[in-house]
Amino acid sequence: MRVEKLGRMAASVSLVALLAACAVTPEPLTDQDMAGLTKANSERMFATTAPLTAPLTLDDAIRRAMAHNLDHRARLMEEVLALGQLDIDRYDMLPQLAASAGYSWRNEPAASVSRSLATGTTSLEASYSTERTHTTWELGTTWSVLDFGASWFNARQNADRALIAGERRRKVANNLIQEVRSAWWRAASAQKLEGEVTDAVALARAALDDTRLVEQENLRAPIDALRVQRGLLENLRQLETIRQDLITGKTELAALVNLAPGTPFEVAIPADDALLPAPWAMALDEMEYMALLNNPDLREEVYQGRVTAHETKKAILRLLPGITLQASRNYDSNDLTVFNYWTEAGPAVSMNLFNMISAPSRIRFAQTGEKVAQAKQLALQMAVLTQVHVARRQYEMAARQFELADQIWRVDQRISEHSGNREAADAQGQVERVANATTSIVGLLRRYQAVSQLHAAVGRMQASIGWDAGIGGGEAMTKRVAAEVIKVQDDGPPDPVLWLGKLFQ
C-alpha cells in the first residue's frame, strides 16, 4: 500500500512538472536588466586596459591594440575554444563505461503456467521466478572499433579547425595593425594641424568680417567685395572640411587600443627624419615565396583541404562492419535467482547493408569535395601572388606620392615665408594671407596622408606575405587571455553541481 501511494505521488509530481513546462512564457528584458548589463559590460571593457602615462607612439599603439583590442580578444577566445574542443575529442576515443541501477515493483507476481506442446495439457499450479520487488545494477563497458575510428578522424578534423582559428587570428591581427597605423597617423595629423587650423579659421573669419564691413561702407566696388568674400568662404569651407576629417582620428585610435571614448591623450609625433618607415629590401620573388609559405588565407585553405580529406576517409570507414566489445558486472536482488551476481562479456558485429548501396555516392561526393578544395587552393594561391604584386606596386606608388607631397609642402612653406615678408611690407592683404595659410595646411595634411599611405603600403606587404612582425607571442598571448577571461588556469575546472545550478537559474 505504501508503494502504491509513492507511485501515485510520483505521477502527481510528474503531471505538475508537465503543466509547469507548458506554462513557460517569454520574459522580455526590462530597463533595469539592460542598465545592469551595460554597466557590468562597461566595467569589463576597460578592466584590463592600463592607463596612458606618456604620449602614445605607433609601436605602443600596436602593442596595446594586440593586447586589449576587443575584436582581437574575441578571435583569441575562438582559438581557445577550438583548442578546448580538441581536448574534449580525446575523451570520445575512450571506451564507454556506464553504470546503471533500477528498482522494479509490480502489484502481482509475474506468475505463469506451462502448457505441454505435445498434449496441450496445462499444469494446474502456477509459478513465478521473479519477485514483485527487486533492485538491479549494472557496471559495464563497451568499445566500438567503428566509433573509435570515427572519433579519431573527428579529432583530427577539429585539430585542423583549431589551426584554422589560429590562422584567422593572424589575419585579424594583420588587419588590426593596418587599422592602427592608419588611425595613428590621422591622430598625429590632427594633433599637428589642430593649432594651425584653429589659427587659420580665426584669421579667415576676421578677414571675412573686415570685407563685409568694407562692403557695408562702400569702400570698394560691391562686386569686388563679394568676390573677396567668396574666396574667404571657400577657404573657410576647406579648413572646416579638414577639421572634420581630422576630428575622428583620435576617437578611432582610442577604440582600437581600447581606451574609453573621450579619454584625452597625446600621440608622440616623430621628427621629420623619422617619419618614413625603413626601406623595403625584400625582392619580389622572395616575397612570393614567403607568401606561399605563410599567408594566413592560403594556410587556412590547406587546413580546410585536410578536413575535407578526412571526411572522405570517414565515408569509407562507414562501409566497414561495426565491431563492438562489451563486458559488464551485474547484480539482481531477486531471491528466486540462483546467482545474484554474474559477469557478461562478448563481441558483437553489426552492419547496415544499405550503406553498401549508398557507398559509391558517398565516396564520389567526398572525393568531389577534395577536388573542390584543391581548386580553391589553386585559385587562392593565384590571388595571393596577385596580392603580393599589387601590394608591391602600391608601395612604390606611395613612395612616389610622398616625394611629390613632400616637395609640394616645402614649396608651400617657402611661399608662406615670402607671403609673410610681403605682408610685413604692406604689399599683400589678408585675403592672400588666408589663402596661403590654407594652402600650407593642405600641403602639410597631404604630406602626413602620404606618410600614412606609405606605412599602410608596408603593412599590406607584410600582411600579404604572412609576416608576423609586431604580432609575435601569439601562443603566450592566447594563454594569457584565456587565463584572464575564462580563468581556467587560476580557478581550475568548474564544479558540475554549481554549473548545473547556473543552468537552471
Protein backbone atom coordinates (compact mmCIF):
# COMPACT_ATOMS: atom_id res chain seq x y z
CA MET A 1 0.00 0.00 0.00
CA ARG A 2 2.82 2.36 0.83
CA VAL A 3 4.42 1.66 -2.53
CA GLU A 4 1.13 2.41 -4.27
CA LYS A 5 0.98 5.81 -2.51
CA LEU A 6 4.51 6.57 -3.60
CA GLY A 7 3.58 5.69 -7.17
CA ARG A 8 0.55 8.00 -7.12
CA MET A 9 2.66 10.80 -5.63
CA ALA A 10 5.28 10.38 -8.34
CA ALA A 11 2.58 10.53 -11.02
CA SER A 12 1.16 13.72 -9.48
CA VAL A 13 4.58 15.38 -9.36
CA SER A 14 5.19 14.43 -12.99
CA LEU A 15 1.84 15.92 -14.03
CA VAL A 16 2.57 19.17 -12.17
CA ALA A 17 6.02 19.41 -13.81
CA LEU A 18 4.48 18.84 -17.24
CA LEU A 19 1.88 21.55 -16.71
CA ALA A 20 4.56 23.95 -15.44
CA ALA A 21 6.64 23.33 -18.54
CA CYS A 22 3.67 24.12 -20.75
CA ALA A 23 3.11 27.40 -18.87
CA VAL A 24 6.51 28.94 -19.77
CA THR A 25 6.10 32.40 -21.33
CA PRO A 26 8.66 34.78 -22.90
CA GLU A 27 10.30 37.20 -20.45
CA PRO A 28 11.42 40.40 -22.20
CA LEU A 29 14.35 42.37 -20.82
CA THR A 30 13.45 45.28 -18.61
CA ASP A 31 15.20 48.64 -18.50
CA GLN A 32 16.75 47.65 -15.17
CA ASP A 33 18.12 44.44 -16.71
CA MET A 34 19.68 46.32 -19.61
CA ALA A 35 21.04 49.03 -17.32
CA GLY A 36 22.74 46.48 -15.08
CA LEU A 37 24.09 44.52 -18.05
CA THR A 38 25.50 47.57 -19.82
CA LYS A 39 27.09 48.80 -16.58
CA ALA A 40 28.77 45.43 -16.00
CA ASN A 41 29.94 45.25 -19.62
CA SER A 42 31.32 48.78 -19.46
CA GLU A 43 33.38 47.87 -16.42
CA ARG A 44 34.68 44.71 -18.09
CA MET A 45 35.52 46.50 -21.34
CA PHE A 46 38.29 48.59 -19.81
CA ALA A 47 39.15 46.50 -16.73
CA THR A 48 42.44 45.21 -18.16
CA THR A 49 43.46 48.34 -20.07
CA ALA A 50 46.35 50.16 -18.45
CA PRO A 51 46.08 53.99 -18.44
CA LEU A 52 48.36 56.03 -20.67
CA THR A 53 51.12 57.80 -18.79
CA ALA A 54 53.07 59.13 -21.79
CA PRO A 55 52.40 60.20 -25.38
CA LEU A 56 51.38 57.22 -27.47
CA THR A 57 53.92 56.08 -30.04
CA LEU A 58 53.00 53.98 -33.06
CA ASP A 59 54.73 50.88 -31.66
CA ASP A 60 52.97 51.31 -28.32
CA ALA A 61 49.63 51.70 -30.10
CA ILE A 62 50.17 48.43 -31.97
CA ARG A 63 51.17 46.59 -28.80
CA ARG A 64 48.20 47.93 -26.85
CA ALA A 65 45.82 47.02 -29.68
CA MET A 66 47.21 43.47 -29.81
CA ALA A 67 46.77 43.09 -26.05
CA HIS A 68 43.48 44.93 -25.43
CA ASN A 69 41.50 45.27 -28.68
CA LEU A 70 38.14 43.60 -28.13
CA ASP A 71 37.80 42.17 -31.64
CA HIS A 72 41.24 40.61 -31.42
CA ARG A 73 40.48 39.21 -27.97
CA ALA A 74 37.30 37.65 -29.38
CA ARG A 75 39.36 35.91 -32.07
CA LEU A 76 41.79 34.72 -29.42
CA MET A 77 38.89 33.26 -27.45
CA GLU A 78 37.65 31.46 -30.56
CA GLU A 79 41.07 29.86 -30.86
CA VAL A 80 40.98 28.90 -27.17
CA LEU A 81 37.51 27.42 -27.68
CA ALA A 82 38.74 25.36 -30.63
CA LEU A 83 41.63 24.04 -28.55
CA GLY A 84 39.18 23.15 -25.80
CA GLN A 85 37.07 21.18 -28.26
CA LEU A 86 40.21 19.26 -29.21
CA ASP A 87 40.69 18.27 -25.56
CA ILE A 88 37.10 17.00 -25.42
CA ASP A 89 37.56 14.94 -28.59
CA ARG A 90 40.34 12.95 -26.94
CA TYR A 91 37.83 11.54 -24.44
CA ASP A 92 35.48 10.44 -27.25
CA MET A 93 38.07 7.84 -28.32
CA LEU A 94 37.95 6.10 -24.92
CA PRO A 95 35.66 3.11 -24.26
CA GLN A 96 32.25 3.84 -22.76
CA LEU A 97 31.93 2.98 -19.07
CA ALA A 98 28.31 3.07 -17.94
CA ALA A 99 26.74 2.37 -14.56
CA SER A 100 23.01 1.84 -14.12
CA ALA A 101 20.72 0.89 -11.28
CA GLY A 102 17.00 0.30 -11.05
CA TYR A 103 14.10 -0.63 -8.83
CA SER A 104 11.15 -2.73 -10.07
CA TRP A 105 7.73 -3.19 -8.47
CA ARG A 106 4.50 -4.77 -9.64
CA ASN A 107 1.29 -5.37 -7.75
CA GLU A 108 1.05 -9.04 -8.71
CA PRO A 109 3.79 -11.64 -9.15
CA ALA A 110 4.85 -12.48 -12.70
CA ALA A 111 3.30 -15.94 -12.33
CA SER A 112 2.75 -18.24 -15.27
CA VAL A 113 1.66 -21.78 -16.10
CA SER A 114 3.08 -24.23 -18.57
CA ARG A 115 1.26 -25.99 -21.40
CA SER A 116 2.51 -29.17 -22.94
CA LEU A 117 3.43 -28.79 -26.58
CA ALA A 118 2.70 -32.43 -27.29
CA THR A 119 -0.57 -32.92 -25.43
CA GLY A 120 -1.78 -29.39 -24.81
CA THR A 121 -2.24 -30.14 -21.13
CA THR A 122 -1.90 -27.18 -18.80
CA SER A 123 -0.29 -27.60 -15.41
CA LEU A 124 -2.59 -26.82 -12.51
CA GLU A 125 -0.04 -24.97 -10.38
CA ALA A 126 1.18 -21.51 -11.41
CA SER A 127 4.72 -20.45 -10.58
CA TYR A 128 6.94 -17.42 -10.85
CA SER A 129 10.68 -16.86 -10.80
CA THR A 130 10.82 -13.07 -10.23
CA GLU A 131 9.85 -11.32 -7.06
CA ARG A 132 7.36 -8.48 -7.13
CA THR A 133 10.02 -6.03 -5.92
CA HIS A 134 13.70 -6.27 -6.66
CA THR A 135 16.64 -3.99 -7.40
CA THR A 136 19.28 -4.30 -10.09
CA TRP A 137 22.51 -2.61 -11.01
CA GLU A 138 25.00 -2.99 -13.81
CA LEU A 139 28.52 -1.70 -14.41
CA GLY A 140 29.61 -2.28 -17.97
CA THR A 141 31.99 -1.06 -20.62
CA THR A 142 31.64 -1.12 -24.37
CA TRP A 143 34.13 -0.22 -27.05
CA SER A 144 33.20 0.13 -30.70
CA VAL A 145 36.03 -0.08 -33.21
CA LEU A 146 33.96 1.85 -35.75
CA ASP A 147 33.12 4.63 -33.29
CA PHE A 148 36.79 4.81 -32.30
CA GLY A 149 37.81 5.32 -35.93
CA ALA A 150 35.15 7.99 -36.48
CA SER A 151 36.16 9.76 -33.25
CA TRP A 152 39.80 9.66 -34.30
CA PHE A 153 39.03 11.32 -37.63
CA ASN A 154 36.78 13.85 -35.86
CA ALA A 155 39.63 14.69 -33.53
CA ARG A 156 41.98 15.19 -36.48
CA GLN A 157 39.43 17.46 -38.15
CA ASN A 158 38.93 19.52 -35.01
CA ALA A 159 42.70 19.78 -34.62
CA ASP A 160 42.84 21.29 -38.11
CA ARG A 161 39.93 23.57 -37.21
CA ALA A 162 41.92 24.79 -34.21
CA LEU A 163 44.78 25.61 -36.58
CA ILE A 164 42.29 27.38 -38.85
CA ALA A 165 41.18 29.50 -35.88
CA GLY A 166 44.82 30.40 -35.30
CA GLU A 167 45.27 31.49 -38.94
CA ARG A 168 42.12 33.60 -38.74
CA ARG A 169 43.51 35.23 -35.61
CA ARG A 170 46.71 36.03 -37.51
CA LYS A 171 44.67 37.61 -40.30
CA VAL A 172 42.68 39.70 -37.83
CA ALA A 173 45.93 40.75 -36.17
CA ASN A 174 47.42 41.86 -39.51
CA ASN A 175 44.29 43.83 -40.37
CA LEU A 176 44.26 45.34 -36.89
CA ILE A 177 47.83 46.56 -37.25
CA GLN A 178 46.96 48.24 -40.55
CA GLU A 179 43.94 49.94 -38.97
CA VAL A 180 46.03 51.12 -36.02
CA ARG A 181 48.67 52.57 -38.34
CA SER A 182 46.08 54.46 -40.35
CA ALA A 183 44.25 55.78 -37.27
CA TRP A 184 47.50 56.71 -35.52
CA TRP A 185 48.69 58.83 -38.44
CA ARG A 186 45.30 60.50 -38.70
CA ALA A 187 45.53 61.29 -34.99
CA ALA A 188 49.08 62.58 -35.48
CA SER A 189 47.90 64.78 -38.35
CA ALA A 190 45.05 66.12 -36.24
CA GLN A 191 47.37 66.87 -33.34
CA LYS A 192 49.96 68.50 -35.61
CA LEU A 193 47.46 70.63 -37.52
CA GLU A 194 44.99 71.41 -34.74
CA GLY A 195 46.62 74.68 -33.72
CA GLU A 196 47.34 75.80 -37.28
CA VAL A 197 43.81 75.04 -38.46
CA THR A 198 42.32 76.91 -35.49
CA ASP A 199 44.53 79.98 -36.17
CA ALA A 200 43.73 79.89 -39.88
CA VAL A 201 39.99 79.64 -39.22
CA ALA A 202 40.18 82.60 -36.82
CA LEU A 203 42.17 84.59 -39.39
CA ALA A 204 39.68 83.74 -42.14
CA ARG A 205 36.68 84.76 -40.01
CA ALA A 206 38.37 88.06 -39.05
CA ALA A 207 39.17 88.79 -42.69
CA LEU A 208 35.58 87.91 -43.64
CA ASP A 209 34.24 90.38 -41.08
CA ASP A 210 36.56 93.07 -42.47
CA THR A 211 35.42 92.50 -46.06
CA ARG A 212 31.77 92.67 -45.01
CA LEU A 213 32.48 95.95 -43.23
CA VAL A 214 34.20 97.24 -46.38
CA GLU A 215 31.11 96.23 -48.39
CA GLN A 216 28.74 97.97 -45.97
CA GLU A 217 30.74 101.21 -46.02
CA ASN A 218 31.12 101.12 -49.84
CA LEU A 219 34.89 101.43 -49.61
CA ARG A 220 35.29 99.34 -52.79
CA ALA A 221 33.09 98.07 -55.59
CA PRO A 222 30.38 95.66 -54.34
CA ILE A 223 31.29 93.00 -56.90
CA ASP A 224 34.94 93.06 -55.80
CA ALA A 225 33.95 92.82 -52.14
CA LEU A 226 31.64 89.87 -52.86
CA ARG A 227 34.38 88.07 -54.82
CA VAL A 228 36.75 88.55 -51.89
CA GLN A 229 34.09 87.21 -49.51
CA ARG A 230 33.53 84.18 -51.74
CA GLY A 231 37.24 83.41 -51.77
CA LEU A 232 37.40 83.67 -47.99
CA LEU A 233 34.30 81.49 -47.57
CA GLU A 234 35.79 78.88 -49.89
CA ASN A 235 38.99 78.83 -47.84
CA LEU A 236 36.93 78.65 -44.64
CA ARG A 237 34.90 75.72 -46.03
CA GLN A 238 38.10 73.91 -46.91
CA LEU A 239 39.50 74.49 -43.44
CA GLU A 240 36.31 73.22 -41.78
CA THR A 241 36.39 70.13 -44.01
CA ILE A 242 39.96 69.44 -42.91
CA ARG A 243 38.95 69.87 -39.27
CA GLN A 244 36.02 67.47 -39.75
CA ASP A 245 38.29 64.85 -41.33
CA LEU A 246 40.82 65.13 -38.52
CA ILE A 247 38.42 65.20 -35.57
CA THR A 248 37.66 61.45 -35.75
CA GLY A 249 41.30 60.31 -35.84
CA LYS A 250 41.86 60.13 -32.10
CA THR A 251 38.42 58.64 -31.47
CA GLU A 252 39.10 55.75 -33.84
CA LEU A 253 42.57 55.22 -32.41
CA ALA A 254 41.17 55.15 -28.85
CA ALA A 255 38.67 52.47 -29.87
CA LEU A 256 41.38 50.34 -31.49
CA VAL A 257 43.63 50.43 -28.40
CA ASN A 258 40.56 50.01 -26.10
CA LEU A 259 40.60 53.39 -24.41
CA ALA A 260 37.29 54.78 -23.18
CA PRO A 261 35.75 57.23 -25.68
CA GLY A 262 36.61 60.80 -24.77
CA THR A 263 39.80 59.87 -22.92
CA PRO A 264 42.33 62.68 -23.51
CA PHE A 265 45.71 61.51 -24.76
CA GLU A 266 48.57 62.67 -26.93
CA VAL A 267 50.47 60.88 -29.67
CA ALA A 268 54.24 61.08 -29.89
CA ILE A 269 54.80 62.57 -33.33
CA PRO A 270 58.23 61.57 -34.61
CA ALA A 271 60.70 64.05 -36.01
CA ASP A 272 60.78 64.70 -39.75
CA ASP A 273 63.82 62.48 -40.24
CA ALA A 274 61.97 59.55 -38.56
CA LEU A 275 58.61 59.84 -40.31
CA LEU A 276 59.24 57.27 -43.01
CA PRO A 277 59.39 53.51 -42.48
CA ALA A 278 62.58 51.64 -43.19
CA PRO A 279 63.11 50.97 -46.92
CA TRP A 280 61.68 47.67 -48.08
CA ALA A 281 64.60 45.46 -49.04
CA MET A 282 62.92 42.11 -49.82
CA ALA A 283 62.96 41.15 -53.50
CA LEU A 284 59.72 40.37 -55.30
CA ASP A 285 60.48 36.68 -55.88
CA GLU A 286 61.35 36.27 -52.20
CA MET A 287 58.05 37.93 -51.29
CA GLU A 288 56.20 35.42 -53.46
CA TYR A 289 57.97 32.52 -51.75
CA MET A 290 57.24 33.90 -48.27
CA ALA A 291 53.59 34.50 -49.17
CA LEU A 292 53.10 30.92 -50.38
CA LEU A 293 54.58 29.67 -47.12
CA ASN A 294 52.99 31.99 -44.56
CA ASN A 295 49.89 33.71 -45.96
CA PRO A 296 47.10 33.00 -43.42
CA ASP A 297 44.34 32.70 -46.04
CA LEU A 298 46.31 30.12 -48.02
CA ARG A 299 47.27 28.15 -44.91
CA GLU A 300 43.65 28.17 -43.78
CA GLU A 301 42.55 26.74 -47.12
CA VAL A 302 45.18 23.99 -46.88
CA TYR A 303 43.91 23.05 -43.43
CA GLN A 304 40.37 23.07 -44.78
CA GLY A 305 41.50 20.68 -47.51
CA ARG A 306 42.81 18.33 -44.84
CA VAL A 307 39.44 18.47 -43.08
CA THR A 308 37.74 17.53 -46.35
CA ALA A 309 40.18 14.67 -46.93
CA HIS A 310 39.36 13.23 -43.51
CA GLU A 311 35.69 13.43 -44.46
CA THR A 312 36.43 11.07 -47.36
CA LYS A 313 38.12 8.61 -45.01
CA LYS A 314 35.13 8.77 -42.67
CA ALA A 315 32.81 7.94 -45.57
CA ILE A 316 34.91 4.84 -46.37
CA LEU A 317 35.03 3.88 -42.71
CA ARG A 318 31.23 3.78 -42.54
CA LEU A 319 31.25 0.92 -45.03
CA LEU A 320 33.05 -1.40 -42.62
CA PRO A 321 31.15 -3.60 -40.19
CA GLY A 322 30.91 -2.35 -36.64
CA ILE A 323 32.77 -4.48 -34.12
CA THR A 324 31.78 -3.88 -30.51
CA LEU A 325 33.49 -5.37 -27.47
CA GLN A 326 31.47 -5.32 -24.28
CA ALA A 327 31.79 -6.55 -20.69
CA SER A 328 29.67 -5.92 -17.63
CA ARG A 329 29.23 -6.89 -13.99
CA ASN A 330 25.57 -7.36 -12.98
CA TYR A 331 23.51 -7.77 -9.83
CA ASP A 332 19.84 -8.64 -9.20
CA SER A 333 18.38 -8.80 -5.67
CA ASN A 334 15.74 -11.32 -6.79
CA ASP A 335 15.86 -14.11 -4.19
CA LEU A 336 14.48 -16.57 -6.70
CA THR A 337 17.59 -16.22 -8.80
CA VAL A 338 20.30 -18.77 -8.12
CA PHE A 339 23.21 -16.45 -8.93
CA ASN A 340 22.57 -12.84 -7.97
CA TYR A 341 25.98 -11.69 -9.22
CA TRP A 342 27.23 -12.51 -12.71
CA THR A 343 29.60 -11.21 -15.37
CA GLU A 344 28.87 -10.93 -19.08
CA ALA A 345 31.33 -10.38 -21.90
CA GLY A 346 31.48 -10.86 -25.62
CA PRO A 347 31.94 -9.26 -29.03
CA ALA A 348 29.22 -8.14 -31.42
CA VAL A 349 29.31 -7.42 -35.13
CA SER A 350 26.76 -5.24 -36.90
CA MET A 351 26.49 -3.73 -40.34
CA ASN A 352 23.95 -1.62 -42.16
CA LEU A 353 23.59 -3.32 -45.54
CA PHE A 354 22.05 -0.20 -47.07
CA ASN A 355 25.43 1.51 -46.62
CA MET A 356 26.75 -0.74 -49.36
CA ILE A 357 24.14 0.69 -51.73
CA SER A 358 24.90 4.33 -50.88
CA ALA A 359 28.66 3.77 -50.64
CA PRO A 360 29.56 4.77 -54.23
CA SER A 361 27.59 8.02 -53.95
CA ARG A 362 29.13 8.85 -50.58
CA ILE A 363 32.66 8.24 -51.82
CA ARG A 364 32.11 10.21 -55.03
CA PHE A 365 30.69 13.11 -53.02
CA ALA A 366 33.65 13.09 -50.64
CA GLN A 367 36.17 12.87 -53.49
CA THR A 368 34.40 15.77 -55.24
CA GLY A 369 34.80 17.78 -52.04
CA GLU A 370 38.54 17.11 -52.13
CA LYS A 371 38.75 18.27 -55.75
CA VAL A 372 36.80 21.42 -54.88
CA ALA A 373 39.23 22.10 -52.01
CA GLN A 374 42.18 21.66 -54.37
CA ALA A 375 40.59 24.03 -56.91
CA LYS A 376 40.08 26.61 -54.15
CA GLN A 377 43.72 26.27 -53.13
CA LEU A 378 44.87 26.93 -56.70
CA ALA A 379 42.57 29.94 -57.06
CA LEU A 380 43.64 31.31 -53.68
CA GLN A 381 47.31 30.78 -54.50
CA MET A 382 46.89 32.89 -57.64
CA ALA A 383 45.04 35.52 -55.61
CA VAL A 384 47.84 35.59 -53.02
CA LEU A 385 50.51 36.06 -55.70
CA THR A 386 48.42 38.83 -57.25
CA GLN A 387 48.02 40.42 -53.83
CA VAL A 388 51.80 40.41 -53.36
CA HIS A 389 52.40 42.14 -56.70
CA VAL A 390 49.62 44.67 -56.08
CA ALA A 391 50.98 45.45 -52.60
CA ARG A 392 54.48 45.96 -54.01
CA ARG A 393 53.19 48.32 -56.72
CA GLN A 394 51.13 50.23 -54.15
CA TYR A 395 54.24 50.64 -52.02
CA GLU A 396 56.19 52.05 -54.96
CA MET A 397 53.34 54.42 -55.83
CA ALA A 398 53.02 55.50 -52.19
CA ALA A 399 56.73 56.29 -52.09
CA ARG A 400 56.39 58.47 -55.20
CA GLN A 401 53.30 60.17 -53.79
CA PHE A 402 55.20 61.03 -50.62
CA GLU A 403 58.07 62.53 -52.61
CA LEU A 404 55.63 64.76 -54.52
CA ALA A 405 53.67 65.69 -51.36
CA ASP A 406 56.91 66.50 -49.56
CA GLN A 407 58.13 68.73 -52.41
CA ILE A 408 54.75 70.50 -52.63
CA TRP A 409 54.74 71.10 -48.88
CA ARG A 410 58.25 72.55 -48.96
CA VAL A 411 57.27 74.89 -51.80
CA ASP A 412 54.17 75.94 -49.83
CA GLN A 413 56.40 76.65 -46.85
CA ARG A 414 58.61 78.93 -48.93
CA ILE A 415 55.54 80.66 -50.39
CA SER A 416 54.22 81.20 -46.86
CA GLU A 417 57.53 82.72 -45.79
CA HIS A 418 57.57 85.09 -48.77
CA SER A 419 53.91 85.88 -48.10
CA GLY A 420 54.77 86.86 -44.54
CA ASN A 421 57.59 89.13 -45.76
CA ARG A 422 55.32 90.83 -48.29
CA GLU A 423 52.62 91.34 -45.67
CA ALA A 424 55.19 92.95 -43.43
CA ALA A 425 55.88 95.40 -46.24
CA ASP A 426 52.11 96.02 -46.71
CA ALA A 427 52.32 94.53 -50.18
CA GLN A 428 49.63 91.88 -49.61
CA GLY A 429 46.22 91.82 -47.97
CA GLN A 430 44.59 89.45 -45.55
CA VAL A 431 42.80 87.53 -48.31
CA GLU A 432 46.01 86.24 -49.83
CA ARG A 433 47.40 85.57 -46.39
CA VAL A 434 44.40 83.33 -45.56
CA ALA A 435 44.70 81.58 -48.92
CA ASN A 436 48.39 80.92 -48.42
CA ALA A 437 47.81 79.66 -44.86
CA THR A 438 45.09 77.32 -46.12
CA THR A 439 47.32 76.05 -48.90
CA SER A 440 50.15 75.44 -46.44
CA ILE A 441 47.84 73.49 -44.11
CA VAL A 442 46.51 71.42 -47.00
CA GLY A 443 50.06 70.68 -48.12
CA LEU A 444 51.11 69.56 -44.65
CA LEU A 445 47.96 67.43 -44.34
CA ARG A 446 48.64 65.73 -47.66
CA ARG A 447 52.22 65.14 -46.59
CA TYR A 448 51.08 63.32 -43.47
CA GLN A 449 48.48 61.46 -45.51
CA ALA A 450 51.23 60.35 -47.87
CA VAL A 451 53.30 59.15 -44.90
CA SER A 452 50.27 57.24 -43.62
CA GLN A 453 49.70 55.65 -47.03
CA LEU A 454 53.36 54.66 -47.19
CA HIS A 455 53.17 52.96 -43.80
CA ALA A 456 49.89 51.30 -44.84
CA ALA A 457 51.56 50.01 -48.01
CA VAL A 458 54.33 48.46 -45.92
CA GLY A 459 51.68 46.87 -43.71
CA ARG A 460 49.87 45.43 -46.75
CA MET A 461 53.10 43.89 -47.99
CA GLN A 462 53.74 42.36 -44.59
CA ALA A 463 50.18 41.02 -44.44
CA SER A 464 50.38 39.59 -47.96
CA ILE A 465 53.47 37.53 -47.14
CA GLY A 466 52.12 36.49 -43.72
CA TRP A 467 54.88 38.28 -41.83
CA ASP A 468 54.07 38.41 -38.12
CA ALA A 469 56.32 41.33 -37.28
CA GLY A 470 54.81 43.01 -34.25
CA ILE A 471 52.36 40.15 -33.76
CA GLY A 472 54.73 37.69 -32.10
CA GLY A 473 53.94 35.84 -28.92
CA GLY A 474 50.59 34.66 -30.21
CA GLU A 475 50.68 31.41 -28.24
CA ALA A 476 51.63 33.13 -24.98
CA MET A 477 49.04 35.83 -25.60
CA THR A 478 46.38 33.17 -26.21
CA LYS A 479 47.16 31.51 -22.88
CA ARG A 480 47.19 34.84 -21.06
CA VAL A 481 43.84 35.93 -22.48
CA ALA A 482 42.38 32.52 -21.69
CA ALA A 483 43.59 32.89 -18.10
CA GLU A 484 42.12 36.39 -17.87
CA VAL A 485 38.74 35.79 -19.47
CA ILE A 486 37.94 32.15 -18.77
CA LYS A 487 40.08 31.84 -15.61
CA VAL A 488 40.72 28.19 -16.43
CA GLN A 489 44.27 28.28 -15.12
CA ASP A 490 43.54 30.09 -11.87
CA ASP A 491 40.13 28.74 -10.89
CA GLY A 492 40.53 25.17 -12.13
CA PRO A 493 37.76 23.10 -13.75
CA PRO A 494 34.18 24.17 -12.98
CA ASP A 495 32.13 22.36 -10.34
CA PRO A 496 29.48 20.31 -12.23
CA VAL A 497 26.89 20.85 -9.47
CA LEU A 498 27.34 24.63 -9.49
CA TRP A 499 27.36 24.61 -13.28
CA LEU A 500 24.04 22.77 -13.41
CA GLY A 501 22.67 25.16 -10.82
CA LYS A 502 23.54 28.12 -13.03
CA LEU A 503 21.98 26.34 -15.99
CA PHE A 504 18.55 26.20 -14.31
CA GLN A 505 18.66 29.69 -12.82
